[in-house]
Amino acid sequence: MFEKPSLNKVKVRKFIKETSVFGKWKKDDNLTYKRCFEHDVKYWKMPKVIKDRNERERLYTVIQKRMPQLKAQFMYMASRSLYPAISLNEWSSFVRKANIIDKNCTSQMIDSHFVVVNFEAEDQGENPDKALIRFEFIELLVRIARDKYLKSRICDNIIEAFEMLLDKNFLPAANIEEW
């Protein structure tokens, strides 16, 4: 039997970030997360959600600490959706995956919060009306934590409720990967 030698040689490629289109890309650092937080806090409607200033400030500290996880999941979801925003469909899919819906936090409540965080009293330019940008995404998580764990008296304060939502629902369903 005659075997014809293969002319196709397999070339193994190795990804080298520095020589790729991502060469100048910089990994997020604490300063990046701080700037993200400072930007987002300007647009939040948190004083309407959390009346007590001290409790709100403590929550802000927790959000700053968790910003790497929050930003990473936001970016993952936005990249699968309407980048740089998250569509209602992508959000709803995540809510199901995270097992957020229950008797204390119904899908109607979540949809209502989605609409509320998307309301803009003044035009914000590139902010789509029917999708979440990062500050809306985080505010929506806070509102859901309030309904699911605070109003139901599972937690004693919004900080505990937010951390419980992140640890019990958000992180197990999140797709957070290092670059």
Foldseek 3Di string as FASTA:
>chain_A
DDDDDDPDDDDDDDDDCCPDPNNPPDDDDLVNLVVVLVVLVVLDPVCVVDVDPVLVVVLSVVCSVCSLVLVQQQPVQLVVDVPVWHAPVSVVVLCVLLVLDDPQAHPVNLVVLQQVLLDDPDDPPPRDSGTGHSSSSLNSLLSSLCRRCVVVVVDPGSNVSSVCSCVRGNVVSGDGDDD
